[in-house]
Amino acid sequence: MEFLKELFLFIKERKKYWLIPILLVLAIFGFLIVLTQGTAIAPFVYTIF
């Protein structure tokens, strides 16, 4: 949790607000991959990438 706290402080201090959408998209893709790993949906999700 310390990493996330420091990351958000960095974004706030340096005014790098354009990083927030990029991080959100990466988190969603990561969650999708972890969620569908080992299920029947996995081949369909991997074709997106």
Protein backbone atom coordinates (compact mmCIF):
# COMPACT_ATOMS: atom_id res chain seq x y z
CA MET A 1 0.00 0.00 0.00
CA GLU A 2 2.97 2.30 0.55
CA PHE A 3 3.78 2.14 -3.17
CA LEU A 4 0.30 3.28 -4.17
CA LYS A 5 0.40 6.09 -1.62
CA GLU A 6 3.74 7.33 -2.97
CA LEU A 7 2.54 6.99 -6.56
CA PHE A 8 -0.52 9.17 -5.94
CA LEU A 9 1.58 11.72 -4.04
CA PHE A 10 3.99 11.84 -6.98
CA ILE A 11 1.12 12.39 -9.43
CA LYS A 12 -0.34 15.10 -7.23
CA GLU A 13 2.93 16.96 -6.61
CA ARG A 14 4.26 16.82 -10.16
CA LYS A 15 0.80 17.42 -11.69
CA LYS A 16 1.10 14.36 -13.93
CA TYR A 17 -2.63 13.78 -14.10
CA TRP A 18 -2.33 12.25 -17.57
CA LEU A 19 -0.84 9.14 -15.91
CA ILE A 20 -4.11 8.26 -14.16
CA PRO A 21 -5.99 6.94 -17.25
CA ILE A 22 -2.95 4.92 -18.32
CA LEU A 23 -2.64 3.31 -14.89
CA LEU A 24 -6.36 2.56 -14.77
CA VAL A 25 -6.30 0.83 -18.16
CA LEU A 26 -3.26 -1.23 -17.16
CA ALA A 27 -4.95 -2.23 -13.91
CA ILE A 28 -8.13 -3.28 -15.71
CA PHE A 29 -6.19 -5.39 -18.23
CA GLY A 30 -4.18 -6.98 -15.44
CA PHE A 31 -7.34 -7.78 -13.52
CA LEU A 32 -8.92 -9.28 -16.64
CA ILE A 33 -5.94 -11.54 -17.25
CA VAL A 34 -5.81 -12.72 -13.64
CA LEU A 35 -9.57 -13.22 -13.49
CA THR A 36 -9.85 -15.25 -16.68
CA GLN A 37 -6.70 -17.33 -16.28
CA GLY A 38 -7.60 -20.98 -16.26
CA THR A 39 -11.21 -20.55 -17.37
CA ALA A 40 -12.96 -21.24 -20.65
CA ILE A 41 -13.08 -17.49 -21.33
CA ALA A 42 -9.28 -17.15 -21.44
CA PRO A 43 -8.81 -17.92 -25.18
CA PHE A 44 -11.34 -15.22 -26.09
CA VAL A 45 -9.73 -12.61 -23.88
CA TYR A 46 -6.23 -13.34 -25.22
CA THR A 47 -7.42 -12.78 -28.79
CA ILE A 48 -8.16 -9.16 -27.86
CA PHE A 49 -4.47 -8.60 -27.18
